[in-house]
Amino acid sequence: TPPVFAQAGNVPFVYAASDAPAPGAEAIVVKKDSPIRTVAAL
């Protein structure tokens, strides 16, 4: 996401390479005892 903001702000950069996807390495978290059980409950 940061490169998208940077390009919109005219930062003079180029993409050089990418790591492999890691979709499990970011998440929405709540406390263990939170009553929120679904995204809709947000």
PDB file of all heavy atoms in Angstrom:
ATOM      1  N   THR A   1       0.792  -1.223   0.000  1.00  0.00           N
ATOM      2  CA  THR A   1       0.000   0.000   0.000  1.00  0.00           C
ATOM      3  C   THR A   1       0.831   1.283   0.000  1.00  0.00           C
ATOM      4  O   THR A   1       0.498   2.231  -0.715  1.00  0.00           O
ATOM      5  CB  THR A   1      -0.977  -0.006   1.188  1.00  0.00           C
ATOM      6  OG1 THR A   1      -1.838  -1.153   1.081  1.00  0.00           O
ATOM      7  CG2 THR A   1      -1.837   1.232   1.195  1.00  0.00           C
ATOM      8  N   PRO A   2       1.930   1.390   0.768  1.00  0.00           N
ATOM      9  CA  PRO A   2       2.704   2.636   0.740  1.00  0.00           C
ATOM     10  C   PRO A   2       3.124   3.105  -0.651  1.00  0.00           C
ATOM     11  O   PRO A   2       3.092   4.318  -0.911  1.00  0.00           O
ATOM     12  CB  PRO A   2       3.913   2.304   1.630  1.00  0.00           C
ATOM     13  CG  PRO A   2       3.362   1.333   2.625  1.00  0.00           C
ATOM     14  CD  PRO A   2       2.422   0.476   1.824  1.00  0.00           C
ATOM     15  N   PRO A   3       3.491   2.223  -1.597  1.00  0.00           N
ATOM     16  CA  PRO A   3       3.844   2.730  -2.923  1.00  0.00           C
ATOM     17  C   PRO A   3       2.676   3.407  -3.644  1.00  0.00           C
ATOM     18  O   PRO A   3       2.884   4.315  -4.451  1.00  0.00           O
ATOM     19  CB  PRO A   3       4.295   1.473  -3.680  1.00  0.00           C
ATOM     20  CG  PRO A   3       4.721   0.521  -2.630  1.00  0.00           C
ATOM     21  CD  PRO A   3       3.789   0.774  -1.482  1.00  0.00           C
ATOM     22  N   VAL A   4       1.461   2.950  -3.356  1.00  0.00           N
ATOM     23  CA  VAL A   4       0.288   3.574  -3.975  1.00  0.00           C
ATOM     24  C   VAL A   4       0.149   5.018  -3.500  1.00  0.00           C
ATOM     25  O   VAL A   4      -0.062   5.942  -4.293  1.00  0.00           O
ATOM     26  CB  VAL A   4      -0.983   2.752  -3.654  1.00  0.00           C
ATOM     27  CG1 VAL A   4      -2.236   3.504  -4.076  1.00  0.00           C
ATOM     28  CG2 VAL A   4      -0.917   1.389  -4.335  1.00  0.00           C
ATOM     29  N   PHE A   5       0.266   5.229  -2.196  1.00  0.00           N
ATOM     30  CA  PHE A   5       0.230   6.585  -1.653  1.00  0.00           C
ATOM     31  C   PHE A   5       1.376   7.423  -2.207  1.00  0.00           C
ATOM     32  O   PHE A   5       1.209   8.594  -2.541  1.00  0.00           O
ATOM     33  CB  PHE A   5       0.312   6.542  -0.125  1.00  0.00           C
ATOM     34  CG  PHE A   5      -0.983   6.228   0.555  1.00  0.00           C
ATOM     35  CD1 PHE A   5      -1.469   4.931   0.601  1.00  0.00           C
ATOM     36  CD2 PHE A   5      -1.730   7.228   1.160  1.00  0.00           C
ATOM     37  CE1 PHE A   5      -2.663   4.639   1.224  1.00  0.00           C
ATOM     38  CE2 PHE A   5      -2.926   6.942   1.791  1.00  0.00           C
ATOM     39  CZ  PHE A   5      -3.406   5.651   1.825  1.00  0.00           C
ATOM     40  N   ALA A   6       2.564   6.804  -2.303  1.00  0.00           N
ATOM     41  CA  ALA A   6       3.738   7.530  -2.773  1.00  0.00           C
ATOM     42  C   ALA A   6       3.577   7.956  -4.226  1.00  0.00           C
ATOM     43  O   ALA A   6       3.906   9.090  -4.595  1.00  0.00           O
ATOM     44  CB  ALA A   6       4.979   6.661  -2.613  1.00  0.00           C
ATOM     45  N   GLN A   7       3.065   7.066  -5.048  1.00  0.00           N
ATOM     46  CA  GLN A   7       2.882   7.421  -6.457  1.00  0.00           C
ATOM     47  C   GLN A   7       1.835   8.522  -6.595  1.00  0.00           C
ATOM     48  O   GLN A   7       1.992   9.433  -7.423  1.00  0.00           O
ATOM     49  CB  GLN A   7       2.484   6.185  -7.275  1.00  0.00           C
ATOM     50  CG  GLN A   7       2.534   6.417  -8.769  1.00  0.00           C
ATOM     51  CD  GLN A   7       2.242   5.170  -9.573  1.00  0.00           C
ATOM     52  OE1 GLN A   7       2.109   4.064  -9.028  1.00  0.00           O
ATOM     53  NE2 GLN A   7       2.137   5.314 -10.886  1.00  0.00           N
ATOM     54  N   ALA A   8       0.783   8.460  -5.804  1.00  0.00           N
ATOM     55  CA  ALA A   8      -0.229   9.520  -5.834  1.00  0.00           C
ATOM     56  C   ALA A   8       0.360  10.856  -5.399  1.00  0.00           C
ATOM     57  O   ALA A   8      -0.125  11.914  -5.796  1.00  0.00           O
ATOM     58  CB  ALA A   8      -1.406   9.148  -4.938  1.00  0.00           C
ATOM     59  N   GLY A   9       1.420  10.793  -4.585  1.00  0.00           N
ATOM     60  CA  GLY A   9       2.089  12.007  -4.129  1.00  0.00           C
ATOM     61  C   GLY A   9       3.298  12.376  -4.959  1.00  0.00           C
ATOM     62  O   GLY A   9       4.097  13.217  -4.557  1.00  0.00           O
ATOM     63  N   ASN A  10       3.445  11.724  -6.136  1.00  0.00           N
ATOM     64  CA  ASN A  10       4.517  12.055  -7.086  1.00  0.00           C
ATOM     65  C   ASN A  10       5.918  11.776  -6.552  1.00  0.00           C
ATOM     66  O   ASN A  10       6.879  12.483  -6.898  1.00  0.00           O
ATOM     67  CB  ASN A  10       4.413  13.513  -7.534  1.00  0.00           C
ATOM     68  CG  ASN A  10       3.113  13.799  -8.261  1.00  0.00           C
ATOM     69  OD1 ASN A  10       2.739  13.087  -9.192  1.00  0.00           O
ATOM     70  ND2 ASN A  10       2.406  14.828  -7.827  1.00  0.00           N
ATOM     71  N   VAL A  11       6.066  10.761  -5.713  1.00  0.00           N
ATOM     72  CA  VAL A  11       7.401  10.344  -5.276  1.00  0.00           C
ATOM     73  C   VAL A  11       8.082   9.632  -6.451  1.00  0.00           C
ATOM     74  O   VAL A  11       7.508   8.727  -7.053  1.00  0.00           O
ATOM     75  CB  VAL A  11       7.314   9.403  -4.064  1.00  0.00           C
ATOM     76  CG1 VAL A  11       8.696   8.876  -3.695  1.00  0.00           C
ATOM     77  CG2 VAL A  11       6.684  10.115  -2.875  1.00  0.00           C
ATOM     78  N   PRO A  12       9.312  10.001  -6.808  1.00  0.00           N
ATOM     79  CA  PRO A  12       9.986   9.412  -7.974  1.00  0.00           C
ATOM     80  C   PRO A  12      10.647   8.074  -7.655  1.00  0.00           C
ATOM     81  O   PRO A  12      11.844   7.981  -7.422  1.00  0.00           O
ATOM     82  CB  PRO A  12      11.031  10.475  -8.328  1.00  0.00           C
ATOM     83  CG  PRO A  12      11.391  11.087  -7.009  1.00  0.00           C
ATOM     84  CD  PRO A  12      10.116  11.103  -6.205  1.00  0.00           C
ATOM     85  N   PHE A  13       9.874   7.021  -7.645  1.00  0.00           N
ATOM     86  CA  PHE A  13      10.391   5.685  -7.346  1.00  0.00           C
ATOM     87  C   PHE A  13       9.949   4.726  -8.434  1.00  0.00           C
ATOM     88  O   PHE A  13       9.038   5.019  -9.234  1.00  0.00           O
ATOM     89  CB  PHE A  13       9.878   5.192  -5.990  1.00  0.00           C
ATOM     90  CG  PHE A  13       8.457   4.686  -6.041  1.00  0.00           C
ATOM     91  CD1 PHE A  13       8.180   3.338  -6.210  1.00  0.00           C
ATOM     92  CD2 PHE A  13       7.381   5.571  -5.950  1.00  0.00           C
ATOM     93  CE1 PHE A  13       6.878   2.872  -6.293  1.00  0.00           C
ATOM     94  CE2 PHE A  13       6.073   5.119  -6.024  1.00  0.00           C
ATOM     95  CZ  PHE A  13       5.818   3.762  -6.195  1.00  0.00           C
ATOM     96  N   VAL A  14      10.571   3.537  -8.451  1.00  0.00           N
ATOM     97  CA  VAL A  14      10.119   2.454  -9.321  1.00  0.00           C
ATOM     98  C   VAL A  14      10.070   1.165  -8.511  1.00  0.00           C
ATOM     99  O   VAL A  14      10.824   0.980  -7.551  1.00  0.00           O
ATOM    100  CB  VAL A  14      11.041   2.264 -10.547  1.00  0.00           C
ATOM    101  CG1 VAL A  14      10.955   3.466 -11.470  1.00  0.00           C
ATOM    102  CG2 VAL A  14      12.480   2.003 -10.119  1.00  0.00           C
ATOM    103  N   TYR A  15       9.155   0.289  -8.899  1.00  0.00           N
ATOM    104  CA  TYR A  15       9.105  -1.051  -8.331  1.00  0.00           C
ATOM    105  C   TYR A  15      10.257  -1.862  -8.914  1.00  0.00           C
ATOM    106  O   TYR A  15      10.463  -1.879 -10.131  1.00  0.00           O
ATOM    107  CB  TYR A  15       7.801  -1.746  -8.698  1.00  0.00           C
ATOM    108  CG  TYR A  15       6.547  -1.190  -8.062  1.00  0.00           C
ATOM    109  CD1 TYR A  15       5.792  -0.196  -8.682  1.00  0.00           C
ATOM    110  CD2 TYR A  15       6.080  -1.695  -6.844  1.00  0.00           C
ATOM    111  CE1 TYR A  15       4.631   0.297  -8.115  1.00  0.00           C
ATOM    112  CE2 TYR A  15       4.917  -1.217  -6.273  1.00  0.00           C
ATOM    113  CZ  TYR A  15       4.191  -0.225  -6.903  1.00  0.00           C
ATOM    114  OH  TYR A  15       3.030   0.253  -6.341  1.00  0.00           O
ATOM    115  N   ALA A  16      10.985  -2.561  -8.053  1.00  0.00           N
ATOM    116  CA  ALA A  16      12.115  -3.363  -8.519  1.00  0.00           C
ATOM    117  C   ALA A  16      11.838  -4.860  -8.428  1.00  0.00           C
ATOM    118  O   ALA A  16      12.204  -5.614  -9.326  1.00  0.00           O
ATOM    119  CB  ALA A  16      13.361  -3.036  -7.715  1.00  0.00           C
ATOM    120  N   ALA A  17      11.211  -5.286  -7.356  1.00  0.00           N
ATOM    121  CA  ALA A  17      10.969  -6.715  -7.138  1.00  0.00           C
ATOM    122  C   ALA A  17       9.927  -6.862  -6.047  1.00  0.00           C
ATOM    123  O   ALA A  17       9.537  -5.889  -5.389  1.00  0.00           O
ATOM    124  CB  ALA A  17      12.259  -7.434  -6.749  1.00  0.00           C
ATOM    125  N   SER A  18       9.488  -8.103  -5.850  1.00  0.00           N
ATOM    126  CA  SER A  18       8.451  -8.379  -4.867  1.00  0.00           C
ATOM    127  C   SER A  18       8.805  -9.613  -4.061  1.00  0.00           C
ATOM    128  O   SER A  18       9.470 -10.531  -4.560  1.00  0.00           O
ATOM    129  CB  SER A  18       7.111  -8.605  -5.576  1.00  0.00           C
ATOM    130  OG  SER A  18       6.148  -9.178  -4.720  1.00  0.00           O
ATOM    131  N   ASP A  19       8.359  -9.642  -2.819  1.00  0.00           N
ATOM    132  CA  ASP A  19       8.370 -10.882  -2.054  1.00  0.00           C
ATOM    133  C   ASP A  19       7.146 -11.706  -2.433  1.00  0.00           C
ATOM    134  O   ASP A  19       6.219 -11.209  -3.086  1.00  0.00           O
ATOM    135  CB  ASP A  19       8.313 -10.590  -0.547  1.00  0.00           C
ATOM    136  CG  ASP A  19       9.621 -10.076   0.006  1.00  0.00           C
ATOM    137  OD1 ASP A  19      10.653 -10.201  -0.675  1.00  0.00           O
ATOM    138  OD2 ASP A  19       9.611  -9.532   1.123  1.00  0.00           O
ATOM    139  N   ALA A  20       7.112 -12.954  -2.003  1.00  0.00           N
ATOM    140  CA  ALA A  20       5.932 -13.797  -2.211  1.00  0.00           C
ATOM    141  C   ALA A  20       4.776 -13.296  -1.342  1.00  0.00           C
ATOM    142  O   ALA A  20       5.002 -12.664  -0.300  1.00  0.00           O
ATOM    143  CB  ALA A  20       6.263 -15.245  -1.866  1.00  0.00           C
ATOM    144  N   PRO A  21       3.538 -13.533  -1.749  1.00  0.00           N
ATOM    145  CA  PRO A  21       2.397 -13.113  -0.935  1.00  0.00           C
ATOM    146  C   PRO A  21       2.430 -13.761   0.449  1.00  0.00           C
ATOM    147  O   PRO A  21       2.914 -14.877   0.614  1.00  0.00           O
ATOM    148  CB  PRO A  21       1.183 -13.608  -1.735  1.00  0.00           C
ATOM    149  CG  PRO A  21       1.678 -13.805  -3.126  1.00  0.00           C
ATOM    150  CD  PRO A  21       3.115 -14.214  -2.995  1.00  0.00           C
ATOM    151  N   ALA A  22       1.892 -13.044   1.441  1.00  0.00           N
ATOM    152  CA  ALA A  22       1.799 -13.569   2.813  1.00  0.00           C
ATOM    153  C   ALA A  22       0.485 -13.107   3.436  1.00  0.00           C
ATOM    154  O   ALA A  22       0.475 -12.330   4.390  1.00  0.00           O
ATOM    155  CB  ALA A  22       2.991 -13.107   3.636  1.00  0.00           C
ATOM    156  N   PRO A  23      -0.645 -13.562   2.907  1.00  0.00           N
ATOM    157  CA  PRO A  23      -1.938 -13.064   3.390  1.00  0.00           C
ATOM    158  C   PRO A  23      -2.225 -13.392   4.848  1.00  0.00           C
ATOM    159  O   PRO A  23      -3.001 -12.686   5.498  1.00  0.00           O
ATOM    160  CB  PRO A  23      -2.951 -13.738   2.460  1.00  0.00           C
ATOM    161  CG  PRO A  23      -2.238 -14.942   1.923  1.00  0.00           C
ATOM    162  CD  PRO A  23      -0.802 -14.535   1.808  1.00  0.00           C
ATOM    163  N   GLY A  24      -1.591 -14.438   5.374  1.00  0.00           N
ATOM    164  CA  GLY A  24      -1.818 -14.795   6.769  1.00  0.00           C
ATOM    165  C   GLY A  24      -0.990 -13.989   7.746  1.00  0.00           C
ATOM    166  O   GLY A  24      -1.119 -14.156   8.962  1.00  0.00           O
ATOM    167  N   ALA A  25      -0.149 -13.085   7.224  1.00  0.00           N
ATOM    168  CA  ALA A  25       0.758 -12.324   8.082  1.00  0.00           C
ATOM    169  C   ALA A  25       0.196 -10.967   8.474  1.00  0.00           C
ATOM    170  O   ALA A  25       0.915 -10.129   9.010  1.00  0.00           O
ATOM    171  CB  ALA A  25       2.105 -12.151   7.386  1.00  0.00           C
ATOM    172  N   GLU A  26      -1.077 -10.721   8.228  1.00  0.00           N
ATOM    173  CA  GLU A  26      -1.765  -9.527   8.714  1.00  0.00           C
ATOM    174  C   GLU A  26      -3.205  -9.903   9.018  1.00  0.00           C
ATOM    175  O   GLU A  26      -3.763 -10.823   8.402  1.00  0.00           O
ATOM    176  CB  GLU A  26      -1.695  -8.378   7.708  1.00  0.00           C
ATOM    177  CG  GLU A  26      -2.364  -8.653   6.385  1.00  0.00           C
ATOM    178  CD  GLU A  26      -2.305  -7.453   5.450  1.00  0.00           C
ATOM    179  OE1 GLU A  26      -1.651  -6.449   5.787  1.00  0.00           O
ATOM    180  OE2 GLU A  26      -2.947  -7.506   4.373  1.00  0.00           O
ATOM    181  N   ALA A  27      -3.808  -9.214   9.978  1.00  0.00           N
ATOM    182  CA  ALA A  27      -5.146  -9.619  10.411  1.00  0.00           C
ATOM    183  C   ALA A  27      -5.825  -8.534  11.226  1.00  0.00           C
ATOM    184  O   ALA A  27      -5.178  -7.614  11.740  1.00  0.00           O
ATOM    185  CB  ALA A  27      -5.059 -10.908  11.239  1.00  0.00           C
ATOM    186  N   ILE A  28      -7.133  -8.677  11.341  1.00  0.00           N
ATOM    187  CA  ILE A  28      -7.926  -7.899  12.298  1.00  0.00           C
ATOM    188  C   ILE A  28      -7.992  -8.737  13.565  1.00  0.00           C
ATOM    189  O   ILE A  28      -8.382  -9.917  13.522  1.00  0.00           O
ATOM    190  CB  ILE A  28      -9.344  -7.648  11.772  1.00  0.00           C
ATOM    191  CG1 ILE A  28      -9.302  -6.949  10.410  1.00  0.00           C
ATOM    192  CG2 ILE A  28     -10.151  -6.826  12.774  1.00  0.00           C
ATOM    193  CD1 ILE A  28     -10.674  -6.885   9.723  1.00  0.00           C
ATOM    194  N   VAL A  29      -7.616  -8.162  14.695  1.00  0.00           N
ATOM    195  CA  VAL A  29      -7.655  -8.899  15.950  1.00  0.00           C
ATOM    196  C   VAL A  29      -8.570  -8.194  16.951  1.00  0.00           C
ATOM    197  O   VAL A  29      -8.746  -6.977  16.901  1.00  0.00           O
ATOM    198  CB  VAL A  29      -6.246  -9.081  16.564  1.00  0.00           C
ATOM    199  CG1 VAL A  29      -5.363  -9.891  15.632  1.00  0.00           C
ATOM    200  CG2 VAL A  29      -5.605  -7.741  16.889  1.00  0.00           C
ATOM    201  N   VAL A  30      -9.126  -8.997  17.835  1.00  0.00           N
ATOM    202  CA  VAL A  30      -9.925  -8.498  18.955  1.00  0.00           C
ATOM    203  C   VAL A  30      -9.430  -9.197  20.215  1.00  0.00           C
ATOM    204  O   VAL A  30      -8.660 -10.154  20.142  1.00  0.00           O
ATOM    205  CB  VAL A  30     -11.434  -8.782  18.749  1.00  0.00           C
ATOM    206  CG1 VAL A  30     -11.969  -8.018  17.539  1.00  0.00           C
ATOM    207  CG2 VAL A  30     -11.681 -10.285  18.588  1.00  0.00           C
ATOM    208  N   LYS A  31      -9.864  -8.708  21.346  1.00  0.00           N
ATOM    209  CA  LYS A  31      -9.475  -9.384  22.590  1.00  0.00           C
ATOM    210  C   LYS A  31     -10.110 -10.772  22.661  1.00  0.00           C
ATOM    211  O   LYS A  31     -11.166 -11.017  22.073  1.00  0.00           O
ATOM    212  CB  LYS A  31      -9.887  -8.545  23.792  1.00  0.00           C
ATOM    213  CG  LYS A  31      -9.013  -7.322  24.003  1.00  0.00           C
ATOM    214  CD  LYS A  31      -9.246  -6.710  25.373  1.00  0.00           C
ATOM    215  CE  LYS A  31      -8.185  -5.669  25.679  1.00  0.00           C
ATOM    216  NZ  LYS A  31      -8.338  -5.118  27.053  1.00  0.00           N
ATOM    217  N   LYS A  32      -9.459 -11.642  23.388  1.00  0.00           N
ATOM    218  CA  LYS A  32      -9.901 -13.032  23.468  1.00  0.00           C
ATOM    219  C   LYS A  32     -11.345 -13.152  23.928  1.00  0.00           C
ATOM    220  O   LYS A  32     -12.116 -13.973  23.418  1.00  0.00           O
ATOM    221  CB  LYS A  32      -8.985 -13.811  24.424  1.00  0.00           C
ATOM    222  CG  LYS A  32      -9.271 -15.301  24.491  1.00  0.00           C
ATOM    223  CD  LYS A  32      -8.261 -15.992  25.395  1.00  0.00           C
ATOM    224  CE  LYS A  32      -8.514 -17.489  25.436  1.00  0.00           C
ATOM    225  NZ  LYS A  32      -7.514 -18.192  26.299  1.00  0.00           N
ATOM    226  N   ASP A  33     -11.751 -12.305  24.877  1.00  0.00           N
ATOM    227  CA  ASP A  33     -13.102 -12.385  25.419  1.00  0.00           C
ATOM    228  C   ASP A  33     -14.065 -11.397  24.773  1.00  0.00           C
ATOM    229  O   ASP A  33     -15.167 -11.167  25.267  1.00  0.00           O
ATOM    230  CB  ASP A  33     -13.081 -12.155  26.929  1.00  0.00           C
ATOM    231  CG  ASP A  33     -12.464 -10.804  27.303  1.00  0.00           C
ATOM    232  OD1 ASP A  33     -11.986 -10.094  26.396  1.00  0.00           O
ATOM    233  OD2 ASP A  33     -12.454 -10.474  28.511  1.00  0.00           O
ATOM    234  N   SER A  34     -13.667 -10.804  23.647  1.00  0.00           N
ATOM    235  CA  SER A  34     -14.522  -9.834  22.972  1.00  0.00           C
ATOM    236  C   SER A  34     -15.793 -10.510  22.448  1.00  0.00           C
ATOM    237  O   SER A  34     -15.745 -11.633  21.929  1.00  0.00           O
ATOM    238  CB  SER A  34     -13.778  -9.192  21.799  1.00  0.00           C
ATOM    239  OG  SER A  34     -14.651  -8.425  21.009  1.00  0.00           O
ATOM    240  N   PRO A  35     -16.936  -9.830  22.534  1.00  0.00           N
ATOM    241  CA  PRO A  35     -18.169 -10.381  21.972  1.00  0.00           C
ATOM    242  C   PRO A  35     -18.199 -10.316  20.448  1.00  0.00           C
ATOM    243  O   PRO A  35     -19.085 -10.906  19.818  1.00  0.00           O
ATOM    244  CB  PRO A  35     -19.259  -9.485  22.576  1.00  0.00           C
ATOM    245  CG  PRO A  35     -18.581  -8.189  22.842  1.00  0.00           C
ATOM    246  CD  PRO A  35     -17.173  -8.551  23.244  1.00  0.00           C
ATOM    247  N   ILE A  36     -17.237  -9.625  19.844  1.00  0.00           N
ATOM    248  CA  ILE A  36     -17.185  -9.505  18.382  1.00  0.00           C
ATOM    249  C   ILE A  36     -16.675 -10.816  17.801  1.00  0.00           C
ATOM    250  O   ILE A  36     -15.550 -11.230  18.054  1.00  0.00           O
ATOM    251  CB  ILE A  36     -16.269  -8.342  17.964  1.00  0.00           C
ATOM    252  CG1 ILE A  36     -16.794  -7.017  18.523  1.00  0.00           C
ATOM    253  CG2 ILE A  36     -16.148  -8.276  16.449  1.00  0.00           C
ATOM    254  CD1 ILE A  36     -15.847  -5.844  18.328  1.00  0.00           C
ATOM    255  N   ARG A  37     -17.543 -11.455  17.017  1.00  0.00           N
ATOM    256  CA  ARG A  37     -17.196 -12.760  16.452  1.00  0.00           C
ATOM    257  C   ARG A  37     -17.132 -12.761  14.934  1.00  0.00           C
ATOM    258  O   ARG A  37     -16.637 -13.724  14.336  1.00  0.00           O
ATOM    259  CB  ARG A  37     -18.228 -13.811  16.905  1.00  0.00           C
ATOM    260  CG  ARG A  37     -18.227 -14.069  18.398  1.00  0.00           C
ATOM    261  CD  ARG A  37     -17.015 -14.880  18.799  1.00  0.00           C
ATOM    262  NE  ARG A  37     -16.852 -14.968  20.248  1.00  0.00           N
ATOM    263  CZ  ARG A  37     -15.868 -15.648  20.835  1.00  0.00           C
ATOM    264  NH1 ARG A  37     -14.981 -16.298  20.082  1.00  0.00           N
ATOM    265  NH2 ARG A  37     -15.760 -15.673  22.153  1.00  0.00           N
ATOM    266  N   THR A  38     -17.643 -11.725  14.301  1.00  0.00           N
ATOM    267  CA  THR A  38     -17.628 -11.625  12.844  1.00  0.00           C
ATOM    268  C   THR A  38     -17.211 -10.222  12.434  1.00  0.00           C
ATOM    269  O   THR A  38     -17.318  -9.273  13.226  1.00  0.00           O
ATOM    270  CB  THR A  38     -19.013 -11.921  12.253  1.00  0.00           C
ATOM    271  OG1 THR A  38     -19.925 -10.899  12.664  1.00  0.00           O
ATOM    272  CG2 THR A  38     -19.528 -13.286  12.695  1.00  0.00           C
ATOM    273  N   VAL A  39     -16.782 -10.076  11.194  1.00  0.00           N
ATOM    274  CA  VAL A  39     -16.433  -8.752  10.687  1.00  0.00           C
ATOM    275  C   VAL A  39     -17.664  -7.859  10.679  1.00  0.00           C
ATOM    276  O   VAL A  39     -17.578  -6.656  10.974  1.00  0.00           O
ATOM    277  CB  VAL A  39     -15.819  -8.866   9.271  1.00  0.00           C
ATOM    278  CG1 VAL A  39     -15.602  -7.483   8.668  1.00  0.00           C
ATOM    279  CG2 VAL A  39     -14.506  -9.643   9.310  1.00  0.00           C
ATOM    280  N   ALA A  40     -18.827  -8.419  10.384  1.00  0.00           N
ATOM    281  CA  ALA A  40     -20.062  -7.636  10.377  1.00  0.00           C
ATOM    282  C   ALA A  40     -20.335  -6.996  11.731  1.00  0.00           C
ATOM    283  O   ALA A  40     -20.928  -5.912  11.819  1.00  0.00           O
ATOM    284  CB  ALA A  40     -21.234  -8.519   9.962  1.00  0.00           C
ATOM    285  N   ALA A  41     -19.868  -7.645  12.799  1.00  0.00           N
ATOM    286  CA  ALA A  41     -20.095  -7.130  14.148  1.00  0.00           C
ATOM    287  C   ALA A  41     -19.212  -5.925  14.469  1.00  0.00           C
ATOM    288  O   ALA A  41     -19.353  -5.322  15.539  1.00  0.00           O
ATOM    289  CB  ALA A  41     -19.863  -8.237  15.173  1.00  0.00           C
ATOM    290  N   LEU A  42     -18.331  -5.551  13.543  1.00  0.00           N
ATOM    291  CA  LEU A  42     -17.516  -4.351  13.745  1.00  0.00           C
ATOM    292  C   LEU A  42     -18.312  -3.073  13.499  1.00  0.00           C
ATOM    293  O   LEU A  42     -17.822  -1.978  13.779  1.00  0.00           O
ATOM    294  CB  LEU A  42     -16.307  -4.365  12.809  1.00  0.00           C
ATOM    295  CG  LEU A  42     -15.221  -5.405  13.091  1.00  0.00           C
ATOM    296  CD1 LEU A  42     -14.165  -5.364  11.985  1.00  0.00           C
ATOM    297  CD2 LEU A  42     -14.578  -5.166  14.454  1.00  0.00           C
TER     298      LEU A  42
END
